[in-house]
Amino acid sequence: MLERREMPGGCAVTEELWPGYRVSTGAYLVSLLQERIVRELELERFGYRVLPKDPAFFSVYPDGRHLFFWQDEKKTLAEIAKFSTRDAAAFPRYEAYLESLAVVVESLLLVTPPELPPKKPRDFIEYLKLLARFRKLGPREITGLVKIFTQSAADLLDEWFESPEIKVTLATDGVIGANGGPRSAGTAYILMHHCMGGVGGKRGLWGFVKGGMGAVSEAIAASARSKGAEIRMNVPVSRVLIRNGRAYGVALENGDELYAAIVASNLDPKSTFLKLVEPGPSRPGIPRFDRALSRRGHITQDEPRARRPAGFHRSSRSFV
């Protein structure tokens, strides 16, 4: 593996921004890391530890009231009931509904998509296997699965809840990292997507990695090294080597070339194809790739340095 920086991980790194202060400078929470990957790579053996994020939410409102979402369902329902007893009764059904959809979608994340359109008899068999994954869903869930890919988070939440305080809190999971608001089409899927994964066997729960997000990357790297992988730091790649339409290696910025039967890029598709792969007769679509692929998004992350944990004073409605 070739890494441009002095540490592995890309966006999952822990860095010392100030003397004595190490923070996760990119990704900051873990949840969507597949349990299968954690298990097969034996990440816990290499130091991977997750501290559950509890409470999952803490919202404060202009009138001074506040809302917690806890791991303990009874405590969460008591919090919701402060704003609406109807919403407290609906919340378990809402979570069960999203769970039924998320289980199906999550089962597809590690499945290789079949050929489209089908070309061989085996392709049709793969489509039948894909359809079989939906057989346990009832008409309501199938309709919901179709709707949720285009629906907004606001429309989904309006179907379940009446309290604006509950809806605005839950809607945050539909807009994290998205170039849109809670009424933008497609944000309902983002909300459901965050129900996948889990921490400590509890689905949908997020957690803080002990040692920061860099500890995830370091555990994966240690697992890879234990199987014989070689990881080189401070080795920037200038281009992917192509012959007869196939990648056969990479050229480094220092002029060296490395060869391999398979070349995998962990860069985003646009950077990979537009910066590392040169257009040629065997790749006529690359010039159009720039126009066809949109990667708009917006997110900022603040890393405050504090002498003590922050507290919220209801009387002043502020954090101190």
C-alpha atoms as a PDB file:
ATOM      1  CA  MET A   1       0.000   0.000   0.000  1.00  0.00           C
ATOM      2  CA  LEU A   2       1.277   3.447  -0.932  1.00  0.00           C
ATOM      3  CA  GLU A   3       0.357   6.417   1.267  1.00  0.00           C
ATOM      4  CA  ARG A   4       1.118  10.008   0.300  1.00  0.00           C
ATOM      5  CA  ARG A   5       1.144  11.271   3.890  1.00  0.00           C
ATOM      6  CA  GLU A   6       3.270  10.312   6.875  1.00  0.00           C
ATOM      7  CA  MET A   7       0.397   8.292   8.393  1.00  0.00           C
ATOM      8  CA  PRO A   8      -2.222   5.915   6.982  1.00  0.00           C
ATOM      9  CA  GLY A   9      -5.930   6.606   7.088  1.00  0.00           C
ATOM     10  CA  GLY A  10      -6.883   9.442   4.763  1.00  0.00           C
ATOM     11  CA  CYS A  11      -9.813  11.092   6.535  1.00  0.00           C
ATOM     12  CA  ALA A  12      -9.659   8.634   9.442  1.00  0.00           C
ATOM     13  CA  VAL A  13      -6.625  10.019  11.254  1.00  0.00           C
ATOM     14  CA  THR A  14      -5.726  11.375  14.688  1.00  0.00           C
ATOM     15  CA  GLU A  15      -3.386  14.373  14.649  1.00  0.00           C
ATOM     16  CA  GLU A  16      -1.775  16.628  17.250  1.00  0.00           C
ATOM     17  CA  LEU A  17      -3.038  20.105  16.338  1.00  0.00           C
ATOM     18  CA  TRP A  18      -1.652  21.672  19.516  1.00  0.00           C
ATOM     19  CA  PRO A  19       0.989  20.327  21.906  1.00  0.00           C
ATOM     20  CA  GLY A  20      -0.662  17.648  24.006  1.00  0.00           C
ATOM     21  CA  TYR A  21      -3.996  17.748  22.109  1.00  0.00           C
ATOM     22  CA  ARG A  22      -4.685  14.882  19.695  1.00  0.00           C
ATOM     23  CA  VAL A  23      -7.955  15.070  17.765  1.00  0.00           C
ATOM     24  CA  SER A  24      -9.748  13.335  14.906  1.00  0.00           C
ATOM     25  CA  THR A  25      -9.278  15.892  12.129  1.00  0.00           C
ATOM     26  CA  GLY A  26     -11.567  14.247   9.550  1.00  0.00           C
ATOM     27  CA  ALA A  27     -14.033  11.504  10.425  1.00  0.00           C
ATOM     28  CA  TYR A  28     -15.001  11.793  14.083  1.00  0.00           C
ATOM     29  CA  LEU A  29     -17.387   8.926  14.882  1.00  0.00           C
ATOM     30  CA  VAL A  30     -17.708   5.253  13.967  1.00  0.00           C
ATOM     31  CA  SER A  31     -20.862   3.246  13.317  1.00  0.00           C
ATOM     32  CA  LEU A  32     -21.133   2.263   9.664  1.00  0.00           C
ATOM     33  CA  LEU A  33     -17.991   0.118   9.792  1.00  0.00           C
ATOM     34  CA  GLN A  34     -19.350  -3.335   8.965  1.00  0.00           C
ATOM     35  CA  GLU A  35     -19.161  -5.845  11.814  1.00  0.00           C
ATOM     36  CA  ARG A  36     -18.013  -8.418   9.266  1.00  0.00           C
ATOM     37  CA  ILE A  37     -14.944  -6.294   8.559  1.00  0.00           C
ATOM     38  CA  VAL A  38     -14.211  -5.791  12.269  1.00  0.00           C
ATOM     39  CA  ARG A  39     -14.499  -9.524  12.823  1.00  0.00           C
ATOM     40  CA  GLU A  40     -12.566 -10.786   9.778  1.00  0.00           C
ATOM     41  CA  LEU A  41      -9.697  -8.323  10.222  1.00  0.00           C
ATOM     42  CA  GLU A  42      -9.596  -9.011  13.975  1.00  0.00           C
ATOM     43  CA  LEU A  43      -9.484  -5.281  14.643  1.00  0.00           C
ATOM     44  CA  GLU A  44     -10.062  -5.632  18.379  1.00  0.00           C
ATOM     45  CA  ARG A  45      -6.919  -7.748  18.552  1.00  0.00           C
ATOM     46  CA  PHE A  46      -5.034  -4.746  17.148  1.00  0.00           C
ATOM     47  CA  GLY A  47      -6.397  -2.139  19.563  1.00  0.00           C
ATOM     48  CA  TYR A  48      -9.775  -1.171  18.090  1.00  0.00           C
ATOM     49  CA  ARG A  49     -12.025  -0.029  20.962  1.00  0.00           C
ATOM     50  CA  VAL A  50     -15.269   1.937  20.711  1.00  0.00           C
ATOM     51  CA  LEU A  51     -16.954   3.949  23.471  1.00  0.00           C
ATOM     52  CA  PRO A  52     -20.734   4.212  22.822  1.00  0.00           C
ATOM     53  CA  LYS A  53     -22.057   7.702  22.137  1.00  0.00           C
ATOM     54  CA  ASP A  54     -24.595   8.060  24.915  1.00  0.00           C
ATOM     55  CA  PRO A  55     -26.654  10.202  24.759  1.00  0.00           C
ATOM     56  CA  ALA A  56     -26.999   9.905  20.992  1.00  0.00           C
ATOM     57  CA  PHE A  57     -28.559  13.398  20.786  1.00  0.00           C
ATOM     58  CA  PHE A  58     -28.710  16.498  22.932  1.00  0.00           C
ATOM     59  CA  SER A  59     -30.872  19.309  21.572  1.00  0.00           C
ATOM     60  CA  VAL A  60     -31.600  22.671  23.172  1.00  0.00           C
ATOM     61  CA  TYR A  61     -34.411  24.983  22.102  1.00  0.00           C
ATOM     62  CA  PRO A  62     -35.003  28.755  22.191  1.00  0.00           C
ATOM     63  CA  ASP A  63     -37.552  28.415  25.017  1.00  0.00           C
ATOM     64  CA  GLY A  64     -34.896  26.837  27.278  1.00  0.00           C
ATOM     65  CA  ARG A  65     -36.175  23.274  27.057  1.00  0.00           C
ATOM     66  CA  HIS A  66     -33.874  20.442  26.060  1.00  0.00           C
ATOM     67  CA  LEU A  67     -34.073  16.882  24.731  1.00  0.00           C
ATOM     68  CA  PHE A  68     -31.874  13.808  25.220  1.00  0.00           C
ATOM     69  CA  PHE A  69     -31.902  10.588  23.206  1.00  0.00           C
ATOM     70  CA  TRP A  70     -30.362   7.770  25.250  1.00  0.00           C
ATOM     71  CA  GLN A  71     -29.422   4.134  24.648  1.00  0.00           C
ATOM     72  CA  ASP A  72     -32.051   3.291  27.250  1.00  0.00           C
ATOM     73  CA  GLU A  73     -35.350   3.368  25.341  1.00  0.00           C
ATOM     74  CA  LYS A  74     -37.446   4.090  28.451  1.00  0.00           C
ATOM     75  CA  LYS A  75     -35.371   7.180  29.240  1.00  0.00           C
ATOM     76  CA  THR A  76     -35.650   8.352  25.616  1.00  0.00           C
ATOM     77  CA  LEU A  77     -39.424   7.883  25.531  1.00  0.00           C
ATOM     78  CA  ALA A  78     -39.746   9.866  28.776  1.00  0.00           C
ATOM     79  CA  GLU A  79     -37.761  12.685  27.137  1.00  0.00           C
ATOM     80  CA  ILE A  80     -39.952  12.627  24.009  1.00  0.00           C
ATOM     81  CA  ALA A  81     -43.115  12.599  26.125  1.00  0.00           C
ATOM     82  CA  LYS A  82     -42.131  16.028  27.511  1.00  0.00           C
ATOM     83  CA  PHE A  83     -42.960  17.355  24.045  1.00  0.00           C
ATOM     84  CA  SER A  84     -45.602  14.916  22.814  1.00  0.00           C
ATOM     85  CA  THR A  85     -47.070  11.733  24.321  1.00  0.00           C
ATOM     86  CA  ARG A  86     -48.286  10.806  20.836  1.00  0.00           C
ATOM     87  CA  ASP A  87     -44.731  11.000  19.487  1.00  0.00           C
ATOM     88  CA  ALA A  88     -43.445   8.939  22.409  1.00  0.00           C
ATOM     89  CA  ALA A  89     -45.920   6.201  21.482  1.00  0.00           C
ATOM     90  CA  ALA A  90     -44.963   6.410  17.784  1.00  0.00           C
ATOM     91  CA  PHE A  91     -41.177   6.381  18.264  1.00  0.00           C
ATOM     92  CA  PRO A  92     -40.702   2.589  18.830  1.00  0.00           C
ATOM     93  CA  ARG A  93     -42.810   1.869  15.721  1.00  0.00           C
ATOM     94  CA  TYR A  94     -40.785   4.414  13.731  1.00  0.00           C
ATOM     95  CA  GLU A  95     -37.497   2.807  14.761  1.00  0.00           C
ATOM     96  CA  ALA A  96     -38.816  -0.689  13.939  1.00  0.00           C
ATOM     97  CA  TYR A  97     -39.967   0.550  10.515  1.00  0.00           C
ATOM     98  CA  LEU A  98     -36.581   2.080   9.631  1.00  0.00           C
ATOM     99  CA  GLU A  99     -34.847  -1.014  10.979  1.00  0.00           C
ATOM    100  CA  SER A 100     -36.848  -3.283   8.662  1.00  0.00           C
ATOM    101  CA  LEU A 101     -35.718  -1.215   5.656  1.00  0.00           C
ATOM    102  CA  ALA A 102     -32.135  -0.746   6.841  1.00  0.00           C
ATOM    103  CA  VAL A 103     -31.586  -4.489   7.322  1.00  0.00           C
ATOM    104  CA  VAL A 104     -32.409  -5.118   3.653  1.00  0.00           C
ATOM    105  CA  VAL A 105     -30.271  -2.270   2.320  1.00  0.00           C
ATOM    106  CA  GLU A 106     -27.344  -3.114   4.619  1.00  0.00           C
ATOM    107  CA  SER A 107     -27.351  -6.701   3.352  1.00  0.00           C
ATOM    108  CA  LEU A 108     -26.637  -5.332  -0.136  1.00  0.00           C
ATOM    109  CA  LEU A 109     -23.631  -3.177   0.781  1.00  0.00           C
ATOM    110  CA  LEU A 110     -21.110  -6.003   0.378  1.00  0.00           C
ATOM    111  CA  VAL A 111     -22.861  -7.620  -2.619  1.00  0.00           C
ATOM    112  CA  THR A 112     -21.365  -7.212  -6.095  1.00  0.00           C
ATOM    113  CA  PRO A 113     -24.102  -5.714  -8.334  1.00  0.00           C
ATOM    114  CA  PRO A 114     -25.139  -8.008 -11.205  1.00  0.00           C
ATOM    115  CA  GLU A 115     -24.510  -6.983 -14.814  1.00  0.00           C
ATOM    116  CA  LEU A 116     -26.901  -4.368 -16.177  1.00  0.00           C
ATOM    117  CA  PRO A 117     -28.332  -5.255 -18.635  1.00  0.00           C
ATOM    118  CA  PRO A 118     -28.000  -9.020 -18.050  1.00  0.00           C
ATOM    119  CA  LYS A 119     -25.783 -10.724 -20.639  1.00  0.00           C
ATOM    120  CA  LYS A 120     -25.425 -14.325 -19.460  1.00  0.00           C
ATOM    121  CA  PRO A 121     -27.795 -16.858 -17.846  1.00  0.00           C
ATOM    122  CA  ARG A 122     -25.844 -16.466 -14.612  1.00  0.00           C
ATOM    123  CA  ASP A 123     -26.691 -12.737 -14.579  1.00  0.00           C
ATOM    124  CA  PHE A 124     -30.422 -13.581 -14.433  1.00  0.00           C
ATOM    125  CA  ILE A 125     -29.733 -15.962 -11.542  1.00  0.00           C
ATOM    126  CA  GLU A 126     -27.969 -13.134  -9.669  1.00  0.00           C
ATOM    127  CA  TYR A 127     -31.028 -10.904 -10.199  1.00  0.00           C
ATOM    128  CA  LEU A 128     -33.276 -13.618  -8.763  1.00  0.00           C
ATOM    129  CA  LYS A 129     -30.986 -13.845  -5.727  1.00  0.00           C
ATOM    130  CA  LEU A 130     -31.236 -10.072  -5.356  1.00  0.00           C
ATOM    131  CA  LEU A 131     -35.031 -10.155  -5.476  1.00  0.00           C
ATOM    132  CA  ALA A 132     -35.074 -12.944  -2.889  1.00  0.00           C
ATOM    133  CA  ARG A 133     -33.648 -10.521  -0.331  1.00  0.00           C
ATOM    134  CA  PHE A 134     -36.907  -8.539  -0.497  1.00  0.00           C
ATOM    135  CA  ARG A 135     -39.266 -11.488  -0.004  1.00  0.00           C
ATOM    136  CA  LYS A 136     -39.701 -10.908   3.739  1.00  0.00           C
ATOM    137  CA  LEU A 137     -40.893  -7.332   3.248  1.00  0.00           C
ATOM    138  CA  GLY A 138     -44.594  -6.601   3.316  1.00  0.00           C
ATOM    139  CA  PRO A 139     -46.367  -4.196   0.916  1.00  0.00           C
ATOM    140  CA  ARG A 140     -45.870  -1.266   3.316  1.00  0.00           C
ATOM    141  CA  GLU A 141     -42.126  -1.872   3.612  1.00  0.00           C
ATOM    142  CA  ILE A 142     -41.685  -2.333  -0.146  1.00  0.00           C
ATOM    143  CA  THR A 143     -43.558   0.919  -0.786  1.00  0.00           C
ATOM    144  CA  GLY A 144     -41.494   2.606   1.916  1.00  0.00           C
ATOM    145  CA  LEU A 145     -38.243   1.339   0.418  1.00  0.00           C
ATOM    146  CA  VAL A 146     -39.179   2.788  -2.973  1.00  0.00           C
ATOM    147  CA  LYS A 147     -40.241   6.111  -1.438  1.00  0.00           C
ATOM    148  CA  ILE A 148     -37.300   6.553   0.905  1.00  0.00           C
ATOM    149  CA  PHE A 149     -34.749   6.862  -1.913  1.00  0.00           C
ATOM    150  CA  THR A 150     -36.428  10.031  -3.227  1.00  0.00           C
ATOM    151  CA  GLN A 151     -38.326  11.315  -0.189  1.00  0.00           C
ATOM    152  CA  SER A 152     -37.100  14.161   2.000  1.00  0.00           C
ATOM    153  CA  ALA A 153     -36.312  13.643   5.679  1.00  0.00           C
ATOM    154  CA  ALA A 154     -38.959  16.239   6.556  1.00  0.00           C
ATOM    155  CA  ASP A 155     -41.687  14.391   4.627  1.00  0.00           C
ATOM    156  CA  LEU A 156     -40.776  11.096   6.278  1.00  0.00           C
ATOM    157  CA  LEU A 157     -40.772  12.568   9.769  1.00  0.00           C
ATOM    158  CA  ASP A 158     -44.055  14.430   9.144  1.00  0.00           C
ATOM    159  CA  GLU A 159     -45.696  11.045   8.579  1.00  0.00           C
ATOM    160  CA  TRP A 160     -44.677   9.856  12.043  1.00  0.00           C
ATOM    161  CA  PHE A 161     -44.397  12.796  14.440  1.00  0.00           C
ATOM    162  CA  GLU A 162     -46.191  16.019  15.379  1.00  0.00           C
ATOM    163  CA  SER A 163     -43.648  17.786  17.596  1.00  0.00           C
ATOM    164  CA  PRO A 164     -41.257  20.096  15.710  1.00  0.00           C
ATOM    165  CA  GLU A 165     -38.665  19.587  18.465  1.00  0.00           C
ATOM    166  CA  ILE A 166     -38.635  15.820  17.865  1.00  0.00           C
ATOM    167  CA  LYS A 167     -38.587  16.192  14.089  1.00  0.00           C
ATOM    168  CA  VAL A 168     -35.748  18.724  13.995  1.00  0.00           C
ATOM    169  CA  THR A 169     -33.610  16.520  16.234  1.00  0.00           C
ATOM    170  CA  LEU A 170     -34.135  13.394  14.143  1.00  0.00           C
ATOM    171  CA  ALA A 171     -33.724  15.323  10.868  1.00  0.00           C
ATOM    172  CA  THR A 172     -30.068  16.037  11.629  1.00  0.00           C
ATOM    173  CA  ASP A 173     -29.212  12.462  10.622  1.00  0.00           C
ATOM    174  CA  GLY A 174     -30.702  13.188   7.200  1.00  0.00           C
ATOM    175  CA  VAL A 175     -28.503  16.165   6.355  1.00  0.00           C
ATOM    176  CA  ILE A 176     -25.078  15.295   7.839  1.00  0.00           C
ATOM    177  CA  GLY A 177     -22.530  15.855   5.080  1.00  0.00           C
ATOM    178  CA  ALA A 178     -25.255  16.416   2.480  1.00  0.00           C
ATOM    179  CA  ASN A 179     -25.513  19.383   0.132  1.00  0.00           C
ATOM    180  CA  GLY A 180     -29.124  20.013   1.046  1.00  0.00           C
ATOM    181  CA  GLY A 181     -31.603  20.646   3.821  1.00  0.00           C
ATOM    182  CA  PRO A 182     -34.187  18.419   5.518  1.00  0.00           C
ATOM    183  CA  ARG A 183     -36.696  19.159   2.750  1.00  0.00           C
ATOM    184  CA  SER A 184     -34.302  18.169  -0.044  1.00  0.00           C
ATOM    185  CA  ALA A 185     -35.239  15.051  -1.998  1.00  0.00           C
ATOM    186  CA  GLY A 186     -33.208  11.991  -1.024  1.00  0.00           C
ATOM    187  CA  THR A 187     -32.409  13.033   2.543  1.00  0.00           C
ATOM    188  CA  ALA A 188     -34.818  10.404   3.919  1.00  0.00           C
ATOM    189  CA  TYR A 189     -32.436   7.737   2.650  1.00  0.00           C
ATOM    190  CA  ILE A 190     -29.508   9.439   4.420  1.00  0.00           C
ATOM    191  CA  LEU A 191     -31.544   9.355   7.632  1.00  0.00           C
ATOM    192  CA  MET A 192     -32.200   5.627   7.174  1.00  0.00           C
ATOM    193  CA  HIS A 193     -28.575   5.009   6.190  1.00  0.00           C
ATOM    194  CA  HIS A 194     -27.482   6.159   9.632  1.00  0.00           C
ATOM    195  CA  CYS A 195     -29.588   3.367  11.158  1.00  0.00           C
ATOM    196  CA  MET A 196     -27.191   0.817   9.674  1.00  0.00           C
ATOM    197  CA  GLY A 197     -24.071  -0.392  11.381  1.00  0.00           C
ATOM    198  CA  GLY A 198     -23.779  -0.210  15.130  1.00  0.00           C
ATOM    199  CA  VAL A 199     -21.521  -0.352  18.167  1.00  0.00           C
ATOM    200  CA  GLY A 200     -21.198  -3.132  20.712  1.00  0.00           C
ATOM    201  CA  GLY A 201     -23.962  -5.175  19.084  1.00  0.00           C
ATOM    202  CA  LYS A 202     -26.513  -2.333  19.223  1.00  0.00           C
ATOM    203  CA  ARG A 203     -27.629  -1.362  15.729  1.00  0.00           C
ATOM    204  CA  GLY A 204     -27.759   2.282  14.751  1.00  0.00           C
ATOM    205  CA  LEU A 205     -25.580   3.363  17.666  1.00  0.00           C
ATOM    206  CA  TRP A 206     -22.563   5.578  17.056  1.00  0.00           C
ATOM    207  CA  GLY A 207     -19.394   5.654  19.098  1.00  0.00           C
ATOM    208  CA  PHE A 208     -16.082   7.360  19.799  1.00  0.00           C
ATOM    209  CA  VAL A 209     -12.974   5.330  19.034  1.00  0.00           C
ATOM    210  CA  LYS A 210     -10.452   5.193  21.854  1.00  0.00           C
ATOM    211  CA  GLY A 211      -7.415   7.044  20.523  1.00  0.00           C
ATOM    212  CA  GLY A 212      -9.405   8.896  17.884  1.00  0.00           C
ATOM    213  CA  MET A 213     -10.324   7.791  14.375  1.00  0.00           C
ATOM    214  CA  GLY A 214      -6.686   7.235  13.559  1.00  0.00           C
ATOM    215  CA  ALA A 215      -6.885   4.173  15.812  1.00  0.00           C
ATOM    216  CA  VAL A 216      -9.258   2.582  13.265  1.00  0.00           C
ATOM    217  CA  SER A 217      -6.745   3.067  10.463  1.00  0.00           C
ATOM    218  CA  GLU A 218      -3.856   1.899  12.636  1.00  0.00           C
ATOM    219  CA  ALA A 219      -5.756  -1.266  13.589  1.00  0.00           C
ATOM    220  CA  ILE A 220      -6.515  -2.012   9.919  1.00  0.00           C
ATOM    221  CA  ALA A 221      -2.874  -1.360   9.020  1.00  0.00           C
ATOM    222  CA  ALA A 222      -1.654  -3.646  11.817  1.00  0.00           C
ATOM    223  CA  SER A 223      -4.034  -6.367  10.652  1.00  0.00           C
ATOM    224  CA  ALA A 224      -2.754  -6.021   7.087  1.00  0.00           C
ATOM    225  CA  ARG A 225       0.885  -6.173   8.202  1.00  0.00           C
ATOM    226  CA  SER A 226       0.161  -9.328  10.193  1.00  0.00           C
ATOM    227  CA  LYS A 227      -0.893 -10.953   6.904  1.00  0.00           C
ATOM    228  CA  GLY A 228       2.271  -9.837   5.109  1.00  0.00           C
ATOM    229  CA  ALA A 229       1.195  -6.518   3.620  1.00  0.00           C
ATOM    230  CA  GLU A 230       3.797  -3.792   3.119  1.00  0.00           C
ATOM    231  CA  ILE A 231       2.726  -0.201   3.792  1.00  0.00           C
ATOM    232  CA  ARG A 232       4.924   2.643   2.588  1.00  0.00           C
ATOM    233  CA  MET A 233       4.463   6.195   3.909  1.00  0.00           C
ATOM    234  CA  ASN A 234       5.405   9.470   2.189  1.00  0.00           C
ATOM    235  CA  VAL A 235       5.140   7.825  -1.240  1.00  0.00           C
ATOM    236  CA  PRO A 236       3.028   9.990  -3.579  1.00  0.00           C
ATOM    237  CA  VAL A 237       1.772   8.360  -6.812  1.00  0.00           C
ATOM    238  CA  SER A 238       1.895  10.441 -10.006  1.00  0.00           C
ATOM    239  CA  ARG A 239      -0.074   8.186 -12.366  1.00  0.00           C
ATOM    240  CA  VAL A 240      -1.537   4.752 -12.971  1.00  0.00           C
ATOM    241  CA  LEU A 241       0.258   2.730 -15.646  1.00  0.00           C
ATOM    242  CA  ILE A 242      -2.068   1.495 -18.397  1.00  0.00           C
ATOM    243  CA  ARG A 243      -1.363  -1.010 -21.164  1.00  0.00           C
ATOM    244  CA  ASN A 244      -3.966  -2.383 -23.597  1.00  0.00           C
ATOM    245  CA  GLY A 245      -6.753  -0.942 -21.508  1.00  0.00           C
ATOM    246  CA  ARG A 246      -5.610  -2.543 -18.236  1.00  0.00           C
ATOM    247  CA  ALA A 247      -3.771  -1.129 -15.224  1.00  0.00           C
ATOM    248  CA  TYR A 248      -0.519  -2.915 -14.520  1.00  0.00           C
ATOM    249  CA  GLY A 249       1.135  -0.668 -11.939  1.00  0.00           C
ATOM    250  CA  VAL A 250       1.803   2.891 -10.783  1.00  0.00           C
ATOM    251  CA  ALA A 251       4.483   5.501 -11.335  1.00  0.00           C
ATOM    252  CA  LEU A 252       5.722   7.394  -8.284  1.00  0.00           C
ATOM    253  CA  GLU A 253       6.625  11.078  -8.158  1.00  0.00           C
ATOM    254  CA  ASN A 254      10.302  10.151  -7.692  1.00  0.00           C
ATOM    255  CA  GLY A 255      10.260   8.303 -11.025  1.00  0.00           C
ATOM    256  CA  ASP A 256      10.102   4.743  -9.683  1.00  0.00           C
ATOM    257  CA  GLU A 257       7.532   2.317 -11.080  1.00  0.00           C
ATOM    258  CA  LEU A 258       5.816  -0.501  -9.211  1.00  0.00           C
ATOM    259  CA  TYR A 259       3.944  -3.310 -10.950  1.00  0.00           C
ATOM    260  CA  ALA A 260       0.969  -5.394  -9.789  1.00  0.00           C
ATOM    261  CA  ALA A 261      -1.700  -7.685 -11.214  1.00  0.00           C
ATOM    262  CA  ILE A 262      -4.420  -5.532  -9.598  1.00  0.00           C
ATOM    263  CA  VAL A 263      -4.306  -1.784  -8.893  1.00  0.00           C
ATOM    264  CA  ALA A 264      -6.849  -0.363  -6.413  1.00  0.00           C
ATOM    265  CA  SER A 265      -7.248   3.374  -5.783  1.00  0.00           C
ATOM    266  CA  ASN A 266      -8.636   4.744  -2.520  1.00  0.00           C
ATOM    267  CA  LEU A 267      -8.905   8.227  -4.008  1.00  0.00           C
ATOM    268  CA  ASP A 268     -12.315   9.483  -5.045  1.00  0.00           C
ATOM    269  CA  PRO A 269     -13.303   8.486  -8.635  1.00  0.00           C
ATOM    270  CA  LYS A 270     -12.854  11.982 -10.054  1.00  0.00           C
ATOM    271  CA  SER A 271      -9.290  12.366  -8.742  1.00  0.00           C
ATOM    272  CA  THR A 272      -8.406   8.831  -9.805  1.00  0.00           C
ATOM    273  CA  PHE A 273      -9.609   9.073 -13.399  1.00  0.00           C
ATOM    274  CA  LEU A 274      -8.840  12.730 -14.080  1.00  0.00           C
ATOM    275  CA  LYS A 275      -5.492  13.081 -12.290  1.00  0.00           C
ATOM    276  CA  LEU A 276      -3.909   9.630 -12.276  1.00  0.00           C
ATOM    277  CA  VAL A 277      -5.256   8.054 -15.473  1.00  0.00           C
ATOM    278  CA  GLU A 278      -4.310   9.661 -18.774  1.00  0.00           C
ATOM    279  CA  PRO A 279      -6.990   9.731 -21.513  1.00  0.00           C
ATOM    280  CA  GLY A 280      -6.336   7.439 -24.459  1.00  0.00           C
ATOM    281  CA  PRO A 281      -8.016   5.422 -27.214  1.00  0.00           C
ATOM    282  CA  SER A 282      -9.050   2.728 -24.743  1.00  0.00           C
ATOM    283  CA  ARG A 283     -10.593   5.295 -22.371  1.00  0.00           C
ATOM    284  CA  PRO A 284     -12.701   7.604 -24.574  1.00  0.00           C
ATOM    285  CA  GLY A 285     -15.180   8.331 -21.792  1.00  0.00           C
ATOM    286  CA  ILE A 286     -12.748   9.961 -19.378  1.00  0.00           C
ATOM    287  CA  PRO A 287     -13.025  13.527 -20.814  1.00  0.00           C
ATOM    288  CA  ARG A 288     -16.808  13.324 -20.263  1.00  0.00           C
ATOM    289  CA  PHE A 289     -16.324  11.998 -16.731  1.00  0.00           C
ATOM    290  CA  ASP A 290     -15.555  15.491 -15.392  1.00  0.00           C
ATOM    291  CA  ARG A 291     -18.904  16.806 -16.612  1.00  0.00           C
ATOM    292  CA  ALA A 292     -20.915  13.719 -15.658  1.00  0.00           C
ATOM    293  CA  LEU A 293     -19.805  13.303 -12.032  1.00  0.00           C
ATOM    294  CA  SER A 294     -20.900  15.857  -9.466  1.00  0.00           C
ATOM    295  CA  ARG A 295     -19.342  15.735  -5.993  1.00  0.00           C
ATOM    296  CA  ARG A 296     -20.848  18.791  -4.395  1.00  0.00           C
ATOM    297  CA  GLY A 297     -21.031  18.755  -0.636  1.00  0.00           C
ATOM    298  CA  HIS A 298     -20.422  20.919   2.354  1.00  0.00           C
ATOM    299  CA  ILE A 299     -19.321  20.243   5.876  1.00  0.00           C
ATOM    300  CA  THR A 300     -17.173  22.013   8.423  1.00  0.00           C
ATOM    301  CA  GLN A 301     -15.668  20.710  11.646  1.00  0.00           C
ATOM    302  CA  ASP A 302     -14.582  22.710  14.659  1.00  0.00           C
ATOM    303  CA  GLU A 303     -11.987  21.378  17.101  1.00  0.00           C
ATOM    304  CA  PRO A 304     -12.255  23.511  20.268  1.00  0.00           C
ATOM    305  CA  ARG A 305      -9.545  23.457  22.895  1.00  0.00           C
ATOM    306  CA  ALA A 306     -11.072  23.609  26.373  1.00  0.00           C
ATOM    307  CA  ARG A 307      -9.698  23.592  29.907  1.00  0.00           C
ATOM    308  CA  ARG A 308     -12.778  21.768  31.235  1.00  0.00           C
ATOM    309  CA  PRO A 309     -15.877  19.986  29.816  1.00  0.00           C
ATOM    310  CA  ALA A 310     -18.557  22.321  28.509  1.00  0.00           C
ATOM    311  CA  GLY A 311     -21.840  22.655  30.398  1.00  0.00           C
ATOM    312  CA  PHE A 312     -25.253  24.022  29.412  1.00  0.00           C
ATOM    313  CA  HIS A 313     -26.943  26.541  31.680  1.00  0.00           C
ATOM    314  CA  ARG A 314     -30.676  26.549  31.146  1.00  0.00           C
ATOM    315  CA  SER A 315     -31.101  29.972  32.767  1.00  0.00           C
ATOM    316  CA  SER A 316     -28.735  31.676  30.329  1.00  0.00           C
ATOM    317  CA  ARG A 317     -29.531  29.277  27.442  1.00  0.00           C
ATOM    318  CA  SER A 318     -25.889  29.013  26.593  1.00  0.00           C
ATOM    319  CA  PHE A 319     -22.901  26.730  26.803  1.00  0.00           C
ATOM    320  CA  VAL A 320     -20.086  27.640  29.183  1.00  0.00           C
END
